[in-house]
Amino acid sequence: MLPRAAGRFLLVVSIVLTVGSIATVMILLPEGTPISSDPGAPSVPMWAVLLPPAAGILLTLMLPWRPAPMPAEPVRRTRLLVTTGALVVFFAAFTLTASLALLRDEDYIAGKFVLLMVLPAAVVLLVRHSVRFKTRPGPWRWWAPLVVAAVWFYLSQLAPWNPGSHFGAVDPAYLIVAAIATAITAGIGEELFFRRWLQTRLEAMLGAWAGIGVTSVLFGLMHLGSHGTGEPLLDVARVVAIQGSFGWFVGVMWWRYRNLVLIILVHLLSNGWGVIAHFIAAD
């Protein structure tokens, strides 16, 4: 929809921001950094952070070797611009208010629910026929992402170099409620917003890889409010490097398979496996 040069430029910008952020974190935090905002989250070296999404992207591009393409295409350009613009506004509103600490605790969850789920869903439902893609039949749309998810899950959660989360004396009831709220607003809400709604539209406007790249950087920046430490430049580098790399992985999965169910499953495991493992160990 936009000139190819614009898409290529934004793709290069996305890659430079991601690689630059990774290099910054590796230089400034050579021993690693926490990848979760959960209490007691341990530091993880960057190679262990990057290995699972890198392996996931590689496998996604290989399995199956020649899948039927499912490109996102604009339907009505004015409606595409309107819906994409509205989604960017909602993203900016949430990221800014969360980064400025205007949303805390319950307000943070409520703000994400309203700005990244309720209002975007209303716009998408009211302004229809803006973008489309045709899903292709075949069992590969399930077995291939299941294989990818299984490899990613082992590398990111079960492999011996993963230290695991330690919640200490956190009240179990609070932990369960927080995990459910996170599953709804992050595992489901963020994937609906960033992959199904935003990335699909950016793919139609900019091209597939530019859409993936821009969405991944924005996805990383969205975490500034929950993962910020008070050092703005380092915080930006951390979320773009860590959460942004995860965004590249699930973004490529969405483009290749168009299977939102399994992408949500990956996100749920990313956020919730530490809690599940905590209760398993407690028993």
Protein backbone atom coordinates (compact mmCIF):
# COMPACT_ATOMS: atom_id res chain seq x y z
CA MET A 1 0.00 0.00 0.00
CA LEU A 2 2.87 2.39 0.81
CA PRO A 3 5.95 2.75 -1.42
CA ARG A 4 8.30 -0.19 -1.14
CA ALA A 5 11.10 2.15 -0.12
CA ALA A 6 9.12 3.14 2.99
CA GLY A 7 8.71 -0.49 3.97
CA ARG A 8 12.38 -1.26 3.41
CA PHE A 9 13.41 1.81 5.41
CA LEU A 10 11.22 0.86 8.38
CA LEU A 11 12.47 -2.71 8.23
CA VAL A 12 16.08 -1.51 8.38
CA VAL A 13 15.21 0.82 11.27
CA SER A 14 13.56 -2.05 13.14
CA ILE A 15 16.58 -4.32 12.64
CA VAL A 16 19.04 -1.60 13.65
CA LEU A 17 17.04 -0.80 16.81
CA THR A 18 16.82 -4.46 17.75
CA VAL A 19 20.48 -5.29 17.10
CA GLY A 20 21.64 -2.04 18.72
CA SER A 21 19.53 -2.75 21.80
CA ILE A 22 20.91 -6.27 22.09
CA ALA A 23 24.49 -4.96 21.82
CA THR A 24 23.79 -2.26 24.42
CA VAL A 25 22.43 -4.75 26.95
CA MET A 26 25.31 -7.16 26.37
CA ILE A 27 27.87 -4.39 26.90
CA LEU A 28 26.25 -2.70 29.91
CA LEU A 29 24.92 -5.86 31.58
CA PRO A 30 27.45 -8.58 30.71
CA GLU A 31 26.26 -10.89 33.48
CA GLY A 32 22.67 -10.80 32.30
CA THR A 33 19.40 -9.13 33.26
CA PRO A 34 16.00 -10.22 34.58
CA ILE A 35 13.60 -10.97 31.74
CA SER A 36 10.48 -10.94 33.90
CA SER A 37 8.91 -8.33 36.17
CA ASP A 38 7.87 -11.08 38.61
CA PRO A 39 9.26 -10.72 42.15
CA GLY A 40 12.46 -12.69 42.56
CA ALA A 41 13.06 -13.05 38.83
CA PRO A 42 16.73 -14.03 38.33
CA SER A 43 19.16 -12.53 35.85
CA VAL A 44 19.60 -14.40 32.59
CA PRO A 45 22.55 -14.00 30.17
CA MET A 46 21.63 -12.56 26.79
CA TRP A 47 22.65 -15.67 24.86
CA ALA A 48 20.03 -17.64 26.82
CA VAL A 49 17.47 -14.91 26.12
CA LEU A 50 18.15 -14.85 22.38
CA LEU A 51 18.57 -18.58 21.71
CA PRO A 52 14.87 -19.59 22.06
CA PRO A 53 13.40 -16.91 19.75
CA ALA A 54 16.24 -17.35 17.24
CA ALA A 55 15.67 -21.11 17.13
CA GLY A 56 11.93 -20.52 16.92
CA ILE A 57 12.29 -18.15 13.96
CA LEU A 58 14.62 -20.56 12.14
CA LEU A 59 12.28 -23.51 12.65
CA THR A 60 9.25 -21.45 11.62
CA LEU A 61 10.96 -20.57 8.34
CA MET A 62 11.82 -24.23 7.75
CA LEU A 63 8.60 -26.02 8.79
CA PRO A 64 7.10 -26.81 6.39
CA TRP A 65 9.61 -26.00 3.69
CA ARG A 66 7.13 -24.57 1.17
CA PRO A 67 3.84 -23.63 2.83
CA ALA A 68 1.08 -21.92 0.91
CA PRO A 69 1.51 -18.15 1.33
CA MET A 70 -1.09 -16.21 3.32
CA PRO A 71 -0.22 -12.54 2.69
CA ALA A 72 -2.15 -9.73 4.34
CA GLU A 73 -3.82 -7.51 1.74
CA PRO A 74 -5.59 -4.15 2.02
CA VAL A 75 -9.32 -4.19 1.28
CA ARG A 76 -10.41 -0.59 1.66
CA ARG A 77 -7.43 1.69 2.08
CA THR A 78 -9.18 4.48 3.95
CA ARG A 79 -10.51 2.01 6.50
CA LEU A 80 -7.10 0.43 6.77
CA LEU A 81 -5.53 3.80 7.55
CA VAL A 82 -8.23 4.61 10.09
CA THR A 83 -7.97 1.33 11.98
CA THR A 84 -4.16 1.29 11.90
CA GLY A 85 -3.99 4.88 13.09
CA ALA A 86 -6.41 4.15 15.93
CA LEU A 87 -4.37 1.12 17.03
CA VAL A 88 -1.16 3.19 17.08
CA VAL A 89 -2.92 5.85 19.18
CA PHE A 90 -4.10 3.23 21.69
CA PHE A 91 -0.59 1.77 21.85
CA ALA A 92 0.94 5.21 22.43
CA ALA A 93 -1.63 6.11 25.10
CA PHE A 94 -1.02 2.94 27.08
CA THR A 95 2.77 2.95 26.72
CA LEU A 96 3.08 6.62 27.69
CA THR A 97 0.78 6.47 30.72
CA ALA A 98 2.37 3.22 31.94
CA SER A 99 5.92 4.53 31.41
CA LEU A 100 5.13 7.70 33.38
CA ALA A 101 3.88 5.53 36.26
CA LEU A 102 0.35 6.85 35.85
CA LEU A 103 -0.85 3.24 35.75
CA ARG A 104 0.13 1.07 38.69
CA ASP A 105 -0.94 -2.36 39.94
CA GLU A 106 -4.68 -2.78 39.33
CA ASP A 107 -4.77 0.40 37.22
CA TYR A 108 -2.08 -1.05 34.96
CA ILE A 109 -4.14 -4.17 34.28
CA ALA A 110 -7.31 -2.14 33.80
CA GLY A 111 -5.54 0.30 31.49
CA LYS A 112 -4.19 -2.51 29.34
CA PHE A 113 -7.59 -4.16 29.23
CA VAL A 114 -9.27 -0.96 28.04
CA LEU A 115 -6.58 0.50 25.75
CA LEU A 116 -5.24 -2.70 24.19
CA MET A 117 -8.35 -4.88 24.17
CA VAL A 118 -11.74 -3.16 24.56
CA LEU A 119 -11.21 0.00 22.51
CA PRO A 120 -9.21 -1.69 19.71
CA ALA A 121 -11.82 -4.45 19.46
CA ALA A 122 -14.55 -1.80 19.16
CA VAL A 123 -12.68 -0.02 16.34
CA VAL A 124 -11.96 -3.25 14.47
CA LEU A 125 -15.59 -4.35 14.74
CA LEU A 126 -17.01 -0.96 13.73
CA VAL A 127 -14.59 -0.24 10.86
CA ARG A 128 -14.65 -3.53 9.00
CA HIS A 129 -13.25 -4.64 5.65
CA SER A 130 -9.89 -2.93 6.06
CA VAL A 131 -7.53 -5.92 5.67
CA ARG A 132 -7.79 -9.59 4.77
CA PHE A 133 -5.78 -12.77 4.43
CA LYS A 134 -6.83 -16.22 3.28
CA THR A 135 -5.97 -19.11 5.55
CA ARG A 136 -4.79 -22.23 3.73
CA PRO A 137 -6.09 -25.68 4.68
CA GLY A 138 -3.77 -28.42 5.76
CA PRO A 139 -2.53 -30.13 8.94
CA TRP A 140 0.79 -28.26 8.63
CA ARG A 141 -0.87 -25.18 10.15
CA TRP A 142 -1.06 -27.15 13.41
CA TRP A 143 1.76 -29.66 13.50
CA ALA A 144 4.44 -27.21 12.32
CA PRO A 145 3.76 -24.50 14.94
CA LEU A 146 3.36 -27.21 17.60
CA VAL A 147 6.89 -28.44 16.83
CA VAL A 148 8.18 -24.86 16.90
CA ALA A 149 6.42 -24.16 20.20
CA ALA A 150 7.78 -27.35 21.76
CA VAL A 151 11.40 -26.54 20.85
CA TRP A 152 11.01 -22.94 21.99
CA PHE A 153 9.41 -24.10 25.26
CA TYR A 154 12.28 -26.45 26.06
CA LEU A 155 14.96 -23.86 25.28
CA SER A 156 13.23 -21.01 27.11
CA GLN A 157 11.77 -22.80 30.13
CA LEU A 158 13.07 -26.34 30.68
CA ALA A 159 16.70 -26.32 29.51
CA PRO A 160 19.24 -26.55 32.36
CA TRP A 161 20.57 -23.03 31.83
CA ASN A 162 17.20 -21.52 32.78
CA PRO A 163 17.34 -20.63 36.51
CA GLY A 164 13.57 -20.50 37.01
CA SER A 165 11.53 -18.01 39.02
CA HIS A 166 11.46 -17.77 42.81
CA PHE A 167 8.37 -16.12 44.28
CA GLY A 168 9.40 -16.50 47.91
CA ALA A 169 6.68 -15.56 50.38
CA VAL A 170 4.23 -14.17 47.83
CA ASP A 171 0.67 -15.02 48.84
CA PRO A 172 -0.51 -17.96 46.67
CA ALA A 173 -3.97 -16.47 46.19
CA TYR A 174 -2.47 -13.19 44.98
CA LEU A 175 -0.12 -15.11 42.68
CA ILE A 176 -3.02 -17.02 41.10
CA VAL A 177 -5.11 -13.87 40.57
CA ALA A 178 -2.14 -12.02 39.09
CA ALA A 179 -1.37 -14.96 36.78
CA ILE A 180 -4.97 -15.09 35.52
CA ALA A 181 -5.05 -11.32 34.93
CA THR A 182 -1.74 -11.53 33.07
CA ALA A 183 -2.98 -14.46 30.99
CA ILE A 184 -6.02 -12.47 29.87
CA THR A 185 -4.42 -9.10 29.23
CA ALA A 186 -0.98 -10.27 28.04
CA GLY A 187 -1.25 -13.80 26.70
CA ILE A 188 -4.55 -13.16 24.94
CA GLY A 189 -4.87 -9.37 24.77
CA GLU A 190 -1.37 -8.55 23.57
CA GLU A 191 -1.46 -11.20 20.85
CA LEU A 192 -4.82 -9.98 19.61
CA PHE A 193 -3.60 -6.38 19.59
CA PHE A 194 -0.07 -6.73 18.28
CA ARG A 195 -0.28 -9.74 15.99
CA ARG A 196 -3.89 -10.19 14.83
CA TRP A 197 -4.82 -6.51 14.61
CA LEU A 198 -1.69 -4.34 14.30
CA GLN A 199 0.87 -6.57 12.55
CA THR A 200 -1.67 -7.78 9.99
CA ARG A 201 -2.44 -4.19 9.02
CA LEU A 202 1.20 -3.14 8.97
CA GLU A 203 2.01 -6.13 6.76
CA ALA A 204 -0.65 -4.97 4.31
CA MET A 205 0.71 -1.41 4.35
CA LEU A 206 4.48 -1.95 4.54
CA GLY A 207 5.16 -5.52 3.47
CA ALA A 208 5.46 -8.66 5.59
CA TRP A 209 8.92 -8.24 7.12
CA ALA A 210 8.56 -4.53 7.75
CA GLY A 211 5.22 -5.20 9.44
CA ILE A 212 6.82 -7.85 11.63
CA GLY A 213 9.79 -5.62 12.50
CA VAL A 214 7.82 -2.47 13.36
CA THR A 215 5.30 -4.43 15.41
CA SER A 216 8.07 -6.22 17.32
CA VAL A 217 9.79 -2.98 18.29
CA LEU A 218 6.48 -1.47 19.41
CA PHE A 219 5.69 -4.65 21.32
CA GLY A 220 8.98 -4.32 23.17
CA LEU A 221 8.43 -0.64 23.98
CA MET A 222 4.99 -1.42 25.37
CA HIS A 223 6.74 -3.19 28.29
CA LEU A 224 8.48 -0.04 29.53
CA GLY A 225 5.81 0.51 32.16
CA SER A 226 6.14 -2.95 33.69
CA HIS A 227 9.89 -3.52 33.20
CA GLY A 228 11.32 -0.03 33.69
CA THR A 229 14.03 0.53 36.29
CA GLY A 230 14.38 4.32 36.13
CA GLU A 231 17.24 4.32 33.60
CA PRO A 232 15.44 5.41 30.41
CA LEU A 233 18.01 4.55 27.75
CA LEU A 234 18.94 1.20 29.29
CA ASP A 235 15.27 0.40 29.87
CA VAL A 236 14.46 1.04 26.21
CA ALA A 237 17.37 -1.16 25.14
CA ARG A 238 16.29 -3.94 27.51
CA VAL A 239 12.67 -4.15 26.40
CA VAL A 240 13.50 -3.89 22.69
CA ALA A 241 16.20 -6.55 23.06
CA ILE A 242 14.27 -8.98 25.26
CA GLN A 243 10.55 -8.52 24.69
CA GLY A 244 11.20 -7.27 21.16
CA SER A 245 13.09 -10.46 20.27
CA PHE A 246 10.14 -12.50 21.51
CA GLY A 247 7.95 -10.26 19.34
CA TRP A 248 10.02 -11.09 16.26
CA PHE A 249 9.55 -14.79 17.00
CA VAL A 250 5.78 -14.80 17.44
CA GLY A 251 5.47 -12.24 14.63
CA VAL A 252 7.15 -14.61 12.20
CA MET A 253 4.91 -17.41 13.48
CA TRP A 254 1.82 -15.32 12.84
CA TRP A 255 2.94 -14.39 9.32
CA ARG A 256 3.83 -17.99 8.40
CA TYR A 257 1.04 -19.97 10.06
CA ARG A 258 -1.82 -17.51 10.80
CA ASN A 259 -2.59 -19.69 13.83
CA LEU A 260 -3.39 -17.33 16.69
CA VAL A 261 -4.36 -20.14 19.08
CA LEU A 262 -0.84 -21.59 19.21
CA ILE A 263 0.77 -18.16 19.35
CA ILE A 264 -1.38 -17.32 22.38
CA LEU A 265 -0.31 -20.65 23.89
CA VAL A 266 3.36 -19.69 23.45
CA HIS A 267 2.74 -16.33 25.11
CA LEU A 268 0.81 -17.94 27.98
CA LEU A 269 3.70 -20.34 28.61
CA SER A 270 6.21 -17.50 28.43
CA ASN A 271 4.42 -15.56 31.15
CA GLY A 272 2.90 -18.34 33.21
CA TRP A 273 5.24 -21.32 33.27
CA GLY A 274 7.19 -19.89 36.21
CA VAL A 275 4.00 -19.77 38.28
CA ILE A 276 2.99 -23.29 37.22
CA ALA A 277 6.46 -24.63 38.07
CA HIS A 278 6.32 -22.81 41.43
CA PHE A 279 3.12 -24.59 42.45
CA ILE A 280 4.37 -27.94 41.12
CA ALA A 281 7.51 -27.59 43.24
CA ALA A 282 5.44 -26.55 46.26
CA ASP A 283 3.44 -29.78 46.06
